[in-house]
Amino acid sequence: ELRRLAEKKPMVAVVGTIAASGAYIAAIASDEIF
């Protein structure tokens, strides 16, 4: 669903304390990861 959104609007991910496992799967749906 995030990939479908990223195809419509630019998306950047910002990791707080942790983006591990399934949360990292969410992060890589974005165009850039900070």
PDB file of all heavy atoms in Angstrom:
ATOM      1  N   GLU A   1       0.835  -1.211   0.000  1.00  0.00           N
ATOM      2  CA  GLU A   1       0.000   0.000   0.000  1.00  0.00           C
ATOM      3  C   GLU A   1       0.863   1.252   0.000  1.00  0.00           C
ATOM      4  O   GLU A   1       0.537   2.251  -0.653  1.00  0.00           O
ATOM      5  CB  GLU A   1      -0.924  -0.009   1.218  1.00  0.00           C
ATOM      6  CG  GLU A   1      -2.132   0.913   1.077  1.00  0.00           C
ATOM      7  CD  GLU A   1      -3.006   0.540  -0.102  1.00  0.00           C
ATOM      8  OE1 GLU A   1      -3.455  -0.626  -0.193  1.00  0.00           O
ATOM      9  OE2 GLU A   1      -3.238   1.426  -0.965  1.00  0.00           O
ATOM     10  N   LEU A   2       1.985   1.204   0.705  1.00  0.00           N
ATOM     11  CA  LEU A   2       2.901   2.350   0.706  1.00  0.00           C
ATOM     12  C   LEU A   2       3.527   2.541  -0.677  1.00  0.00           C
ATOM     13  O   LEU A   2       3.731   3.680  -1.120  1.00  0.00           O
ATOM     14  CB  LEU A   2       3.999   2.150   1.751  1.00  0.00           C
ATOM     15  CG  LEU A   2       3.578   2.313   3.212  1.00  0.00           C
ATOM     16  CD1 LEU A   2       4.710   1.890   4.144  1.00  0.00           C
ATOM     17  CD2 LEU A   2       3.162   3.764   3.508  1.00  0.00           C
ATOM     18  N   ARG A   3       3.810   1.453  -1.381  1.00  0.00           N
ATOM     19  CA  ARG A   3       4.359   1.590  -2.726  1.00  0.00           C
ATOM     20  C   ARG A   3       3.349   2.240  -3.669  1.00  0.00           C
ATOM     21  O   ARG A   3       3.711   3.067  -4.515  1.00  0.00           O
ATOM     22  CB  ARG A   3       4.765   0.210  -3.281  1.00  0.00           C
ATOM     23  CG  ARG A   3       6.057  -0.342  -2.725  1.00  0.00           C
ATOM     24  CD  ARG A   3       7.238   0.582  -2.937  1.00  0.00           C
ATOM     25  NE  ARG A   3       7.385   0.972  -4.338  1.00  0.00           N
ATOM     26  CZ  ARG A   3       7.808   2.167  -4.739  1.00  0.00           C
ATOM     27  NH1 ARG A   3       8.109   3.118  -3.856  1.00  0.00           N
ATOM     28  NH2 ARG A   3       7.920   2.430  -6.018  1.00  0.00           N
ATOM     29  N   ARG A   4       2.083   1.860  -3.522  1.00  0.00           N
ATOM     30  CA  ARG A   4       1.052   2.502  -4.351  1.00  0.00           C
ATOM     31  C   ARG A   4       0.977   3.996  -4.054  1.00  0.00           C
ATOM     32  O   ARG A   4       0.788   4.807  -4.963  1.00  0.00           O
ATOM     33  CB  ARG A   4      -0.298   1.827  -4.121  1.00  0.00           C
ATOM     34  CG  ARG A   4      -0.468   0.512  -4.858  1.00  0.00           C
ATOM     35  CD  ARG A   4      -1.872  -0.033  -4.757  1.00  0.00           C
ATOM     36  NE  ARG A   4      -2.087  -0.718  -3.503  1.00  0.00           N
ATOM     37  CZ  ARG A   4      -1.878  -2.017  -3.319  1.00  0.00           C
ATOM     38  NH1 ARG A   4      -1.437  -2.765  -4.322  1.00  0.00           N
ATOM     39  NH2 ARG A   4      -2.103  -2.582  -2.151  1.00  0.00           N
ATOM     40  N   LEU A   5       1.145   4.351  -2.776  1.00  0.00           N
ATOM     41  CA  LEU A   5       1.132   5.762  -2.407  1.00  0.00           C
ATOM     42  C   LEU A   5       2.362   6.477  -2.966  1.00  0.00           C
ATOM     43  O   LEU A   5       2.269   7.607  -3.467  1.00  0.00           O
ATOM     44  CB  LEU A   5       1.082   5.898  -0.882  1.00  0.00           C
ATOM     45  CG  LEU A   5       1.149   7.320  -0.306  1.00  0.00           C
ATOM     46  CD1 LEU A   5      -0.005   8.168  -0.827  1.00  0.00           C
ATOM     47  CD2 LEU A   5       1.130   7.275   1.222  1.00  0.00           C
ATOM     48  N   ALA A   6       3.527   5.829  -2.894  1.00  0.00           N
ATOM     49  CA  ALA A   6       4.767   6.436  -3.372  1.00  0.00           C
ATOM     50  C   ALA A   6       4.751   6.666  -4.878  1.00  0.00           C
ATOM     51  O   ALA A   6       5.484   7.519  -5.392  1.00  0.00           O
ATOM     52  CB  ALA A   6       5.960   5.564  -2.979  1.00  0.00           C
ATOM     53  N   GLU A   7       3.944   5.894  -5.587  1.00  0.00           N
ATOM     54  CA  GLU A   7       3.813   6.126  -7.029  1.00  0.00           C
ATOM     55  C   GLU A   7       3.021   7.383  -7.335  1.00  0.00           C
ATOM     56  O   GLU A   7       3.118   7.942  -8.435  1.00  0.00           O
ATOM     57  CB  GLU A   7       3.148   4.910  -7.676  1.00  0.00           C
ATOM     58  CG  GLU A   7       4.041   3.661  -7.691  1.00  0.00           C
ATOM     59  CD  GLU A   7       3.297   2.426  -8.142  1.00  0.00           C
ATOM     60  OE1 GLU A   7       2.083   2.557  -8.450  1.00  0.00           O
ATOM     61  OE2 GLU A   7       3.899   1.331  -8.190  1.00  0.00           O
ATOM     62  N   LYS A   8       2.224   7.845  -6.369  1.00  0.00           N
ATOM     63  CA  LYS A   8       1.434   9.059  -6.549  1.00  0.00           C
ATOM     64  C   LYS A   8       2.121  10.299  -5.982  1.00  0.00           C
ATOM     65  O   LYS A   8       1.998  11.390  -6.530  1.00  0.00           O
ATOM     66  CB  LYS A   8       0.077   8.912  -5.849  1.00  0.00           C
ATOM     67  CG  LYS A   8      -0.815   7.817  -6.394  1.00  0.00           C
ATOM     68  CD  LYS A   8      -2.120   7.763  -5.614  1.00  0.00           C
ATOM     69  CE  LYS A   8      -3.046   6.680  -6.126  1.00  0.00           C
ATOM     70  NZ  LYS A   8      -4.321   6.637  -5.338  1.00  0.00           N
ATOM     71  N   LYS A   9       2.832  10.110  -4.853  1.00  0.00           N
ATOM     72  CA  LYS A   9       3.425  11.257  -4.164  1.00  0.00           C
ATOM     73  C   LYS A   9       4.823  10.888  -3.688  1.00  0.00           C
ATOM     74  O   LYS A   9       5.052   9.756  -3.257  1.00  0.00           O
ATOM     75  CB  LYS A   9       2.562  11.647  -2.956  1.00  0.00           C
ATOM     76  CG  LYS A   9       1.124  12.005  -3.333  1.00  0.00           C
ATOM     77  CD  LYS A   9       0.279  12.307  -2.111  1.00  0.00           C
ATOM     78  CE  LYS A   9      -1.188  12.504  -2.518  1.00  0.00           C
ATOM     79  NZ  LYS A   9      -1.375  13.676  -3.394  1.00  0.00           N
ATOM     80  N   PRO A  10       5.784  11.815  -3.766  1.00  0.00           N
ATOM     81  CA  PRO A  10       7.125  11.510  -3.262  1.00  0.00           C
ATOM     82  C   PRO A  10       7.075  11.177  -1.772  1.00  0.00           C
ATOM     83  O   PRO A  10       6.349  11.809  -1.007  1.00  0.00           O
ATOM     84  CB  PRO A  10       7.910  12.797  -3.533  1.00  0.00           C
ATOM     85  CG  PRO A  10       6.877  13.862  -3.716  1.00  0.00           C
ATOM     86  CD  PRO A  10       5.675  13.179  -4.288  1.00  0.00           C
ATOM     87  N   MET A  11       7.841  10.177  -1.379  1.00  0.00           N
ATOM     88  CA  MET A  11       7.802   9.702   0.003  1.00  0.00           C
ATOM     89  C   MET A  11       9.220   9.534   0.536  1.00  0.00           C
ATOM     90  O   MET A  11      10.087   8.958  -0.132  1.00  0.00           O
ATOM     91  CB  MET A  11       7.055   8.373   0.091  1.00  0.00           C
ATOM     92  CG  MET A  11       6.976   7.794   1.491  1.00  0.00           C
ATOM     93  SD  MET A  11       6.291   6.103   1.504  1.00  0.00           S
ATOM     94  CE  MET A  11       4.666   6.389   0.791  1.00  0.00           C
ATOM     95  N   VAL A  12       9.443  10.019   1.739  1.00  0.00           N
ATOM     96  CA  VAL A  12      10.723   9.845   2.402  1.00  0.00           C
ATOM     97  C   VAL A  12      10.453   9.253   3.779  1.00  0.00           C
ATOM     98  O   VAL A  12       9.502   9.630   4.458  1.00  0.00           O
ATOM     99  CB  VAL A  12      11.484  11.188   2.508  1.00  0.00           C
ATOM    100  CG1 VAL A  12      10.688  12.226   3.281  1.00  0.00           C
ATOM    101  CG2 VAL A  12      12.857  10.986   3.145  1.00  0.00           C
ATOM    102  N   ALA A  13      11.294   8.279   4.172  1.00  0.00           N
ATOM    103  CA  ALA A  13      11.136   7.627   5.471  1.00  0.00           C
ATOM    104  C   ALA A  13      12.161   8.179   6.455  1.00  0.00           C
ATOM    105  O   ALA A  13      13.319   8.415   6.096  1.00  0.00           O
ATOM    106  CB  ALA A  13      11.310   6.115   5.332  1.00  0.00           C
ATOM    107  N   VAL A  14      11.714   8.369   7.688  1.00  0.00           N
ATOM    108  CA  VAL A  14      12.588   8.819   8.762  1.00  0.00           C
ATOM    109  C   VAL A  14      12.489   7.805   9.901  1.00  0.00           C
ATOM    110  O   VAL A  14      11.416   7.592  10.458  1.00  0.00           O
ATOM    111  CB  VAL A  14      12.196  10.217   9.270  1.00  0.00           C
ATOM    112  CG1 VAL A  14      13.096  10.630  10.430  1.00  0.00           C
ATOM    113  CG2 VAL A  14      12.278  11.243   8.150  1.00  0.00           C
ATOM    114  N   VAL A  15      13.607   7.173  10.223  1.00  0.00           N
ATOM    115  CA  VAL A  15      13.627   6.159  11.273  1.00  0.00           C
ATOM    116  C   VAL A  15      13.897   6.836  12.609  1.00  0.00           C
ATOM    117  O   VAL A  15      14.818   7.649  12.739  1.00  0.00           O
ATOM    118  CB  VAL A  15      14.710   5.103  10.995  1.00  0.00           C
ATOM    119  CG1 VAL A  15      14.745   4.064  12.112  1.00  0.00           C
ATOM    120  CG2 VAL A  15      14.461   4.442   9.649  1.00  0.00           C
ATOM    121  N   GLY A  16      13.080   6.479  13.615  1.00  0.00           N
ATOM    122  CA  GLY A  16      13.300   6.975  14.958  1.00  0.00           C
ATOM    123  C   GLY A  16      14.270   6.067  15.693  1.00  0.00           C
ATOM    124  O   GLY A  16      15.429   5.929  15.313  1.00  0.00           O
ATOM    125  N   THR A  17      13.784   5.391  16.731  1.00  0.00           N
ATOM    126  CA  THR A  17      14.643   4.483  17.482  1.00  0.00           C
ATOM    127  C   THR A  17      14.931   3.214  16.700  1.00  0.00           C
ATOM    128  O   THR A  17      16.065   2.737  16.676  1.00  0.00           O
ATOM    129  CB  THR A  17      13.982   4.115  18.828  1.00  0.00           C
ATOM    130  OG1 THR A  17      13.757   5.316  19.586  1.00  0.00           O
ATOM    131  CG2 THR A  17      14.872   3.184  19.639  1.00  0.00           C
ATOM    132  N   ILE A  18      13.905   2.671  16.028  1.00  0.00           N
ATOM    133  CA  ILE A  18      14.091   1.380  15.375  1.00  0.00           C
ATOM    134  C   ILE A  18      13.137   1.210  14.194  1.00  0.00           C
ATOM    135  O   ILE A  18      11.987   1.648  14.243  1.00  0.00           O
ATOM    136  CB  ILE A  18      13.887   0.223  16.391  1.00  0.00           C
ATOM    137  CG1 ILE A  18      14.166  -1.136  15.755  1.00  0.00           C
ATOM    138  CG2 ILE A  18      12.487   0.262  16.975  1.00  0.00           C
ATOM    139  CD1 ILE A  18      14.231  -2.276  16.761  1.00  0.00           C
ATOM    140  N   ALA A  19      13.642   0.619  13.132  1.00  0.00           N
ATOM    141  CA  ALA A  19      12.828   0.159  11.994  1.00  0.00           C
ATOM    142  C   ALA A  19      13.409  -1.183  11.597  1.00  0.00           C
ATOM    143  O   ALA A  19      14.275  -1.283  10.728  1.00  0.00           O
ATOM    144  CB  ALA A  19      12.873   1.144  10.837  1.00  0.00           C
ATOM    145  N   ALA A  20      12.963  -2.222  12.294  1.00  0.00           N
ATOM    146  CA  ALA A  20      13.545  -3.548  12.109  1.00  0.00           C
ATOM    147  C   ALA A  20      12.517  -4.504  11.530  1.00  0.00           C
ATOM    148  O   ALA A  20      11.317  -4.331  11.696  1.00  0.00           O
ATOM    149  CB  ALA A  20      14.065  -4.088  13.441  1.00  0.00           C
ATOM    150  N   SER A  21      13.006  -5.507  10.845  1.00  0.00           N
ATOM    151  CA  SER A  21      12.172  -6.583  10.291  1.00  0.00           C
ATOM    152  C   SER A  21      11.016  -6.009   9.468  1.00  0.00           C
ATOM    153  O   SER A  21      11.232  -5.349   8.475  1.00  0.00           O
ATOM    154  CB  SER A  21      11.669  -7.486  11.425  1.00  0.00           C
ATOM    155  OG  SER A  21      12.737  -8.166  12.025  1.00  0.00           O
ATOM    156  N   GLY A  22       9.764  -6.255   9.908  1.00  0.00           N
ATOM    157  CA  GLY A  22       8.616  -5.765   9.154  1.00  0.00           C
ATOM    158  C   GLY A  22       8.588  -4.260   9.015  1.00  0.00           C
ATOM    159  O   GLY A  22       8.078  -3.723   8.026  1.00  0.00           O
ATOM    160  N   ALA A  23       9.124  -3.552  10.001  1.00  0.00           N
ATOM    161  CA  ALA A  23       9.173  -2.092   9.910  1.00  0.00           C
ATOM    162  C   ALA A  23      10.189  -1.643   8.869  1.00  0.00           C
ATOM    163  O   ALA A  23      10.019  -0.602   8.223  1.00  0.00           O
ATOM    164  CB  ALA A  23       9.509  -1.487  11.273  1.00  0.00           C
ATOM    165  N   TYR A  24      11.253  -2.427   8.691  1.00  0.00           N
ATOM    166  CA  TYR A  24      12.197  -2.093   7.627  1.00  0.00           C
ATOM    167  C   TYR A  24      11.579  -2.362   6.265  1.00  0.00           C
ATOM    168  O   TYR A  24      11.856  -1.654   5.291  1.00  0.00           O
ATOM    169  CB  TYR A  24      13.501  -2.880   7.789  1.00  0.00           C
ATOM    170  CG  TYR A  24      14.561  -2.435   6.813  1.00  0.00           C
ATOM    171  CD1 TYR A  24      15.136  -1.167   6.915  1.00  0.00           C
ATOM    172  CD2 TYR A  24      14.952  -3.248   5.759  1.00  0.00           C
ATOM    173  CE1 TYR A  24      16.081  -0.732   6.002  1.00  0.00           C
ATOM    174  CE2 TYR A  24      15.903  -2.834   4.843  1.00  0.00           C
ATOM    175  CZ  TYR A  24      16.458  -1.565   4.961  1.00  0.00           C
ATOM    176  OH  TYR A  24      17.388  -1.127   4.041  1.00  0.00           O
ATOM    177  N   ILE A  25      10.703  -3.375   6.190  1.00  0.00           N
ATOM    178  CA  ILE A  25       9.965  -3.623   4.954  1.00  0.00           C
ATOM    179  C   ILE A  25       9.130  -2.394   4.599  1.00  0.00           C
ATOM    180  O   ILE A  25       9.010  -2.028   3.422  1.00  0.00           O
ATOM    181  CB  ILE A  25       9.066  -4.873   5.113  1.00  0.00           C
ATOM    182  CG1 ILE A  25       9.916  -6.131   5.225  1.00  0.00           C
ATOM    183  CG2 ILE A  25       8.101  -5.010   3.938  1.00  0.00           C
ATOM    184  CD1 ILE A  25       9.133  -7.397   5.532  1.00  0.00           C
ATOM    185  N   ALA A  26       8.548  -1.745   5.608  1.00  0.00           N
ATOM    186  CA  ALA A  26       7.796  -0.512   5.369  1.00  0.00           C
ATOM    187  C   ALA A  26       8.723   0.605   4.917  1.00  0.00           C
ATOM    188  O   ALA A  26       8.406   1.371   3.993  1.00  0.00           O
ATOM    189  CB  ALA A  26       7.035  -0.111   6.639  1.00  0.00           C
ATOM    190  N   ALA A  27       9.885   0.717   5.552  1.00  0.00           N
ATOM    191  CA  ALA A  27      10.810   1.812   5.233  1.00  0.00           C
ATOM    192  C   ALA A  27      11.278   1.768   3.783  1.00  0.00           C
ATOM    193  O   ALA A  27      11.386   2.804   3.119  1.00  0.00           O
ATOM    194  CB  ALA A  27      12.014   1.773   6.175  1.00  0.00           C
ATOM    195  N   ILE A  28      11.544   0.561   3.268  1.00  0.00           N
ATOM    196  CA  ILE A  28      12.088   0.475   1.908  1.00  0.00           C
ATOM    197  C   ILE A  28      11.020   0.707   0.841  1.00  0.00           C
ATOM    198  O   ILE A  28      11.337   0.699  -0.350  1.00  0.00           O
ATOM    199  CB  ILE A  28      12.797  -0.879   1.672  1.00  0.00           C
ATOM    200  CG1 ILE A  28      11.827  -2.047   1.834  1.00  0.00           C
ATOM    201  CG2 ILE A  28      13.986  -1.026   2.597  1.00  0.00           C
ATOM    202  CD1 ILE A  28      12.467  -3.402   1.560  1.00  0.00           C
ATOM    203  N   ALA A  29       9.785   0.951   1.272  1.00  0.00           N
ATOM    204  CA  ALA A  29       8.767   1.350   0.298  1.00  0.00           C
ATOM    205  C   ALA A  29       8.948   2.806  -0.114  1.00  0.00           C
ATOM    206  O   ALA A  29       8.397   3.240  -1.130  1.00  0.00           O
ATOM    207  CB  ALA A  29       7.368   1.156   0.890  1.00  0.00           C
ATOM    208  N   SER A  30       9.722   3.573   0.639  1.00  0.00           N
ATOM    209  CA  SER A  30       9.899   5.001   0.367  1.00  0.00           C
ATOM    210  C   SER A  30      10.985   5.235  -0.684  1.00  0.00           C
ATOM    211  O   SER A  30      11.724   4.323  -1.062  1.00  0.00           O
ATOM    212  CB  SER A  30      10.254   5.740   1.667  1.00  0.00           C
ATOM    213  OG  SER A  30      11.494   5.269   2.158  1.00  0.00           O
ATOM    214  N   ASP A  31      11.099   6.490  -1.118  1.00  0.00           N
ATOM    215  CA  ASP A  31      12.102   6.858  -2.118  1.00  0.00           C
ATOM    216  C   ASP A  31      13.487   7.064  -1.507  1.00  0.00           C
ATOM    217  O   ASP A  31      14.506   6.910  -2.185  1.00  0.00           O
ATOM    218  CB  ASP A  31      11.681   8.149  -2.834  1.00  0.00           C
ATOM    219  CG  ASP A  31      10.312   8.031  -3.472  1.00  0.00           C
ATOM    220  OD1 ASP A  31      10.059   7.001  -4.127  1.00  0.00           O
ATOM    221  OD2 ASP A  31       9.490   8.947  -3.304  1.00  0.00           O
ATOM    222  N   GLU A  32      13.520   7.435  -0.226  1.00  0.00           N
ATOM    223  CA  GLU A  32      14.782   7.728   0.474  1.00  0.00           C
ATOM    224  C   GLU A  32      14.585   7.418   1.943  1.00  0.00           C
ATOM    225  O   GLU A  32      13.491   7.611   2.482  1.00  0.00           O
ATOM    226  CB  GLU A  32      15.154   9.207   0.284  1.00  0.00           C
ATOM    227  CG  GLU A  32      16.555   9.587   0.720  1.00  0.00           C
ATOM    228  CD  GLU A  32      17.611   9.401  -0.377  1.00  0.00           C
ATOM    229  OE1 GLU A  32      17.271   8.806  -1.428  1.00  0.00           O
ATOM    230  OE2 GLU A  32      18.749   9.848  -0.197  1.00  0.00           O
ATOM    231  N   ILE A  33      15.640   6.920   2.599  1.00  0.00           N
ATOM    232  CA  ILE A  33      15.558   6.577   4.018  1.00  0.00           C
ATOM    233  C   ILE A  33      16.576   7.400   4.801  1.00  0.00           C
ATOM    234  O   ILE A  33      17.776   7.362   4.501  1.00  0.00           O
ATOM    235  CB  ILE A  33      15.817   5.075   4.263  1.00  0.00           C
ATOM    236  CG1 ILE A  33      14.793   4.221   3.512  1.00  0.00           C
ATOM    237  CG2 ILE A  33      15.770   4.757   5.760  1.00  0.00           C
ATOM    238  CD1 ILE A  33      15.049   2.725   3.629  1.00  0.00           C
ATOM    239  N   PHE A  34      16.085   8.117   5.801  1.00  0.00           N
ATOM    240  CA  PHE A  34      16.943   8.841   6.734  1.00  0.00           C
ATOM    241  C   PHE A  34      16.876   8.135   8.084  1.00  0.00           C
ATOM    242  O   PHE A  34      15.835   7.593   8.468  1.00  0.00           O
ATOM    243  CB  PHE A  34      16.475  10.289   6.907  1.00  0.00           C
ATOM    244  CG  PHE A  34      16.835  11.198   5.775  1.00  0.00           C
ATOM    245  CD1 PHE A  34      16.099  11.185   4.592  1.00  0.00           C
ATOM    246  CD2 PHE A  34      17.902  12.072   5.877  1.00  0.00           C
ATOM    247  CE1 PHE A  34      16.415  12.020   3.531  1.00  0.00           C
ATOM    248  CE2 PHE A  34      18.236  12.922   4.823  1.00  0.00           C
ATOM    249  CZ  PHE A  34      17.491  12.892   3.643  1.00  0.00           C
TER     250      PHE A  34
END
